[in-house]
Amino acid sequence: MIRITDRWYLDSDSMQFIIYERTISKKTGKDVYNSRAFCGNLFQLKNWLINKEIFDNIELLNNISRCEELSKTIDKTLTGVGKK
């Protein structure tokens, strides 16, 4: 297996690329590799990993969106402040 990140690993057979997720077993404390996706090509593999990371971090994305909205609101509110 090829390590992509600490979480994601890649393997293949003659037909596909297989993405494995590394987790720690609650019973034994050892690494466990669970297959998560089967991709026909590297483009699909890349897209699957990117989408998975985005959806797993959706709260982070929501916070970034709220910060961007707050920044725009502050900019709009402060426009003209201090000008005579």
N, C-alpha and C. Protein backbone atom coordinates (compact mmCIF):
# COMPACT_ATOMS: atom_id res chain seq x y z
N MET A 1 0.83 -1.19 0.00
CA MET A 1 0.00 0.00 0.00
C MET A 1 0.88 1.25 0.00
N ILE A 2 0.37 2.27 -0.63
CA ILE A 2 1.06 3.55 -0.70
C ILE A 2 0.35 4.53 0.24
N ARG A 3 1.12 5.17 1.10
CA ARG A 3 0.55 6.16 2.02
C ARG A 3 0.35 7.47 1.26
N ILE A 4 -0.89 7.96 1.28
CA ILE A 4 -1.18 9.27 0.70
C ILE A 4 -1.10 10.32 1.81
N THR A 5 -1.81 10.07 2.91
CA THR A 5 -1.74 10.88 4.13
C THR A 5 -1.73 9.90 5.30
N ASP A 6 -1.74 10.43 6.51
CA ASP A 6 -1.84 9.54 7.67
C ASP A 6 -3.16 8.77 7.69
N ARG A 7 -4.16 9.33 7.06
CA ARG A 7 -5.50 8.73 7.05
C ARG A 7 -5.74 7.84 5.83
N TRP A 8 -5.27 8.26 4.67
CA TRP A 8 -5.62 7.61 3.41
C TRP A 8 -4.44 6.84 2.81
N TYR A 9 -4.75 5.64 2.31
CA TYR A 9 -3.76 4.77 1.68
C TYR A 9 -4.31 4.28 0.34
N LEU A 10 -3.41 3.95 -0.56
CA LEU A 10 -3.79 3.55 -1.91
C LEU A 10 -3.21 2.18 -2.23
N ASP A 11 -4.03 1.37 -2.85
CA ASP A 11 -3.58 0.08 -3.37
C ASP A 11 -4.30 -0.12 -4.70
N SER A 12 -3.97 -1.16 -5.40
CA SER A 12 -4.65 -1.42 -6.66
C SER A 12 -4.64 -2.91 -6.94
N ASP A 13 -5.54 -3.28 -7.84
CA ASP A 13 -5.50 -4.63 -8.40
C ASP A 13 -5.47 -4.44 -9.91
N SER A 14 -5.73 -5.45 -10.65
CA SER A 14 -5.60 -5.33 -12.11
C SER A 14 -6.72 -4.48 -12.73
N MET A 15 -7.77 -4.17 -11.97
CA MET A 15 -8.92 -3.47 -12.54
C MET A 15 -9.14 -2.05 -11.98
N GLN A 16 -8.61 -1.78 -10.79
CA GLN A 16 -9.00 -0.53 -10.14
C GLN A 16 -7.99 -0.10 -9.09
N PHE A 17 -8.15 1.16 -8.68
CA PHE A 17 -7.41 1.70 -7.55
C PHE A 17 -8.33 1.60 -6.34
N ILE A 18 -7.78 1.25 -5.20
CA ILE A 18 -8.58 1.08 -3.99
C ILE A 18 -8.05 2.05 -2.94
N ILE A 19 -8.96 2.85 -2.39
CA ILE A 19 -8.60 3.79 -1.33
C ILE A 19 -8.97 3.15 0.01
N TYR A 20 -7.99 3.11 0.90
CA TYR A 20 -8.19 2.58 2.24
C TYR A 20 -8.09 3.71 3.26
N GLU A 21 -8.92 3.62 4.28
CA GLU A 21 -8.84 4.55 5.39
C GLU A 21 -8.22 3.83 6.58
N ARG A 22 -7.19 4.45 7.14
CA ARG A 22 -6.54 3.87 8.32
C ARG A 22 -7.22 4.39 9.57
N THR A 23 -7.65 3.47 10.42
CA THR A 23 -8.22 3.82 11.72
C THR A 23 -7.52 2.97 12.78
N ILE A 24 -7.77 3.30 14.01
CA ILE A 24 -7.20 2.54 15.13
C ILE A 24 -8.33 1.71 15.73
N SER A 25 -8.10 0.42 15.87
CA SER A 25 -9.09 -0.48 16.46
C SER A 25 -9.29 -0.13 17.93
N LYS A 26 -10.55 0.01 18.33
CA LYS A 26 -10.86 0.31 19.73
C LYS A 26 -10.55 -0.89 20.63
N LYS A 27 -10.64 -2.08 20.08
CA LYS A 27 -10.40 -3.29 20.87
C LYS A 27 -8.91 -3.58 21.05
N THR A 28 -8.15 -3.51 19.96
CA THR A 28 -6.74 -3.91 20.01
C THR A 28 -5.77 -2.74 20.02
N GLY A 29 -6.22 -1.57 19.60
CA GLY A 29 -5.33 -0.42 19.52
C GLY A 29 -4.41 -0.44 18.31
N LYS A 30 -4.63 -1.39 17.41
CA LYS A 30 -3.79 -1.54 16.22
C LYS A 30 -4.43 -0.87 15.01
N ASP A 31 -3.58 -0.59 14.01
CA ASP A 31 -4.08 -0.01 12.77
C ASP A 31 -5.00 -0.99 12.05
N VAL A 32 -6.09 -0.43 11.51
CA VAL A 32 -7.03 -1.19 10.69
C VAL A 32 -7.21 -0.41 9.39
N TYR A 33 -7.17 -1.11 8.27
CA TYR A 33 -7.33 -0.47 6.96
C TYR A 33 -8.63 -0.95 6.34
N ASN A 34 -9.58 0.00 6.20
CA ASN A 34 -10.89 -0.31 5.63
C ASN A 34 -10.99 0.28 4.23
N SER A 35 -11.42 -0.53 3.28
CA SER A 35 -11.59 -0.01 1.92
C SER A 35 -12.76 0.96 1.91
N ARG A 36 -12.55 2.10 1.26
CA ARG A 36 -13.57 3.16 1.22
C ARG A 36 -14.04 3.48 -0.19
N ALA A 37 -13.18 3.29 -1.17
CA ALA A 37 -13.58 3.64 -2.54
C ALA A 37 -12.80 2.79 -3.53
N PHE A 38 -13.46 2.53 -4.65
CA PHE A 38 -12.86 1.79 -5.75
C PHE A 38 -12.96 2.68 -6.98
N CYS A 39 -11.81 3.06 -7.51
CA CYS A 39 -11.78 4.04 -8.60
C CYS A 39 -11.14 3.42 -9.83
N GLY A 40 -11.73 3.71 -10.97
CA GLY A 40 -11.25 3.16 -12.23
C GLY A 40 -10.01 3.84 -12.77
N ASN A 41 -9.75 5.09 -12.32
CA ASN A 41 -8.56 5.80 -12.78
C ASN A 41 -8.12 6.80 -11.71
N LEU A 42 -6.96 7.39 -11.93
CA LEU A 42 -6.41 8.30 -10.93
C LEU A 42 -7.21 9.59 -10.81
N PHE A 43 -7.83 10.03 -11.88
CA PHE A 43 -8.67 11.23 -11.84
C PHE A 43 -9.84 11.00 -10.88
N GLN A 44 -10.51 9.86 -10.97
CA GLN A 44 -11.61 9.54 -10.06
C GLN A 44 -11.11 9.45 -8.62
N LEU A 45 -9.95 8.84 -8.44
CA LEU A 45 -9.37 8.72 -7.11
C LEU A 45 -9.13 10.10 -6.50
N LYS A 46 -8.51 10.97 -7.25
CA LYS A 46 -8.23 12.32 -6.76
C LYS A 46 -9.52 13.04 -6.40
N ASN A 47 -10.52 12.99 -7.26
CA ASN A 47 -11.79 13.66 -7.00
C ASN A 47 -12.49 13.10 -5.77
N TRP A 48 -12.44 11.78 -5.60
CA TRP A 48 -13.08 11.17 -4.44
C TRP A 48 -12.43 11.66 -3.15
N LEU A 49 -11.10 11.67 -3.12
CA LEU A 49 -10.39 12.11 -1.92
C LEU A 49 -10.67 13.58 -1.60
N ILE A 50 -10.66 14.41 -2.60
CA ILE A 50 -10.92 15.84 -2.38
C ILE A 50 -12.34 16.03 -1.86
N ASN A 51 -13.31 15.40 -2.50
CA ASN A 51 -14.69 15.53 -2.04
C ASN A 51 -14.88 15.00 -0.62
N LYS A 52 -14.25 13.89 -0.31
CA LYS A 52 -14.35 13.31 1.03
C LYS A 52 -13.80 14.26 2.07
N GLU A 53 -12.65 14.85 1.80
CA GLU A 53 -12.06 15.78 2.75
C GLU A 53 -12.94 17.02 2.92
N ILE A 54 -13.52 17.51 1.84
CA ILE A 54 -14.41 18.67 1.93
C ILE A 54 -15.62 18.35 2.79
N PHE A 55 -16.28 17.23 2.51
CA PHE A 55 -17.48 16.89 3.26
C PHE A 55 -17.17 16.54 4.71
N ASP A 56 -16.01 15.98 4.98
CA ASP A 56 -15.63 15.68 6.37
C ASP A 56 -15.31 16.94 7.15
N ASN A 57 -15.01 18.02 6.44
CA ASN A 57 -14.65 19.28 7.09
C ASN A 57 -15.68 20.37 6.81
N ILE A 58 -16.92 19.98 6.63
CA ILE A 58 -17.97 20.93 6.26
C ILE A 58 -18.15 22.01 7.32
N GLU A 59 -17.97 21.68 8.60
CA GLU A 59 -18.09 22.69 9.65
C GLU A 59 -17.02 23.76 9.48
N LEU A 60 -15.81 23.34 9.13
CA LEU A 60 -14.75 24.30 8.88
C LEU A 60 -15.12 25.21 7.72
N LEU A 61 -15.68 24.65 6.65
CA LEU A 61 -16.10 25.46 5.51
C LEU A 61 -17.19 26.44 5.89
N ASN A 62 -18.14 25.98 6.73
CA ASN A 62 -19.20 26.87 7.19
C ASN A 62 -18.63 28.03 8.00
N ASN A 63 -17.65 27.73 8.85
CA ASN A 63 -17.02 28.79 9.64
C ASN A 63 -16.28 29.78 8.76
N ILE A 64 -15.61 29.29 7.73
CA ILE A 64 -14.91 30.18 6.79
C ILE A 64 -15.92 31.08 6.09
N SER A 65 -17.06 30.51 5.67
CA SER A 65 -18.10 31.30 5.01
C SER A 65 -18.63 32.38 5.94
N ARG A 66 -18.85 32.03 7.22
CA ARG A 66 -19.35 33.02 8.18
C ARG A 66 -18.33 34.13 8.39
N CYS A 67 -17.05 33.77 8.43
CA CYS A 67 -16.00 34.78 8.60
C CYS A 67 -15.95 35.71 7.38
N GLU A 68 -16.10 35.15 6.19
CA GLU A 68 -16.11 35.98 4.98
C GLU A 68 -17.30 36.94 4.99
N GLU A 69 -18.47 36.44 5.40
CA GLU A 69 -19.66 37.29 5.49
C GLU A 69 -19.46 38.40 6.51
N LEU A 70 -18.89 38.06 7.67
CA LEU A 70 -18.62 39.05 8.70
C LEU A 70 -17.65 40.10 8.20
N SER A 71 -16.62 39.66 7.49
CA SER A 71 -15.64 40.60 6.95
C SER A 71 -16.29 41.57 5.98
N LYS A 72 -17.16 41.07 5.12
CA LYS A 72 -17.87 41.94 4.16
C LYS A 72 -18.78 42.91 4.88
N THR A 73 -19.47 42.43 5.92
CA THR A 73 -20.37 43.29 6.69
C THR A 73 -19.58 44.39 7.38
N ILE A 74 -18.43 44.05 7.95
CA ILE A 74 -17.59 45.05 8.61
C ILE A 74 -17.08 46.06 7.60
N ASP A 75 -16.61 45.58 6.45
CA ASP A 75 -16.13 46.49 5.40
C ASP A 75 -17.23 47.45 4.98
N LYS A 76 -18.42 46.93 4.78
CA LYS A 76 -19.56 47.75 4.34
C LYS A 76 -19.93 48.77 5.42
N THR A 77 -19.91 48.32 6.67
CA THR A 77 -20.28 49.20 7.78
C THR A 77 -19.26 50.30 7.96
N LEU A 78 -18.00 49.98 7.79
CA LEU A 78 -16.95 50.97 8.03
C LEU A 78 -16.67 51.88 6.85
N THR A 79 -17.28 51.58 5.71
CA THR A 79 -17.07 52.43 4.53
C THR A 79 -17.54 53.85 4.86
N GLY A 80 -16.66 54.77 4.73
CA GLY A 80 -17.01 56.16 4.99
C GLY A 80 -16.77 56.63 6.43
N VAL A 81 -16.49 55.68 7.33
CA VAL A 81 -16.23 56.07 8.71
C VAL A 81 -14.92 56.84 8.77
N GLY A 82 -14.93 57.96 9.44
CA GLY A 82 -13.72 58.77 9.58
C GLY A 82 -13.54 59.78 8.46
N LYS A 83 -14.42 59.72 7.47
CA LYS A 83 -14.34 60.72 6.37
C LYS A 83 -15.26 61.87 6.73
N LYS A 84 -14.86 63.06 6.33
CA LYS A 84 -15.68 64.25 6.62
C LYS A 84 -16.24 64.82 5.36
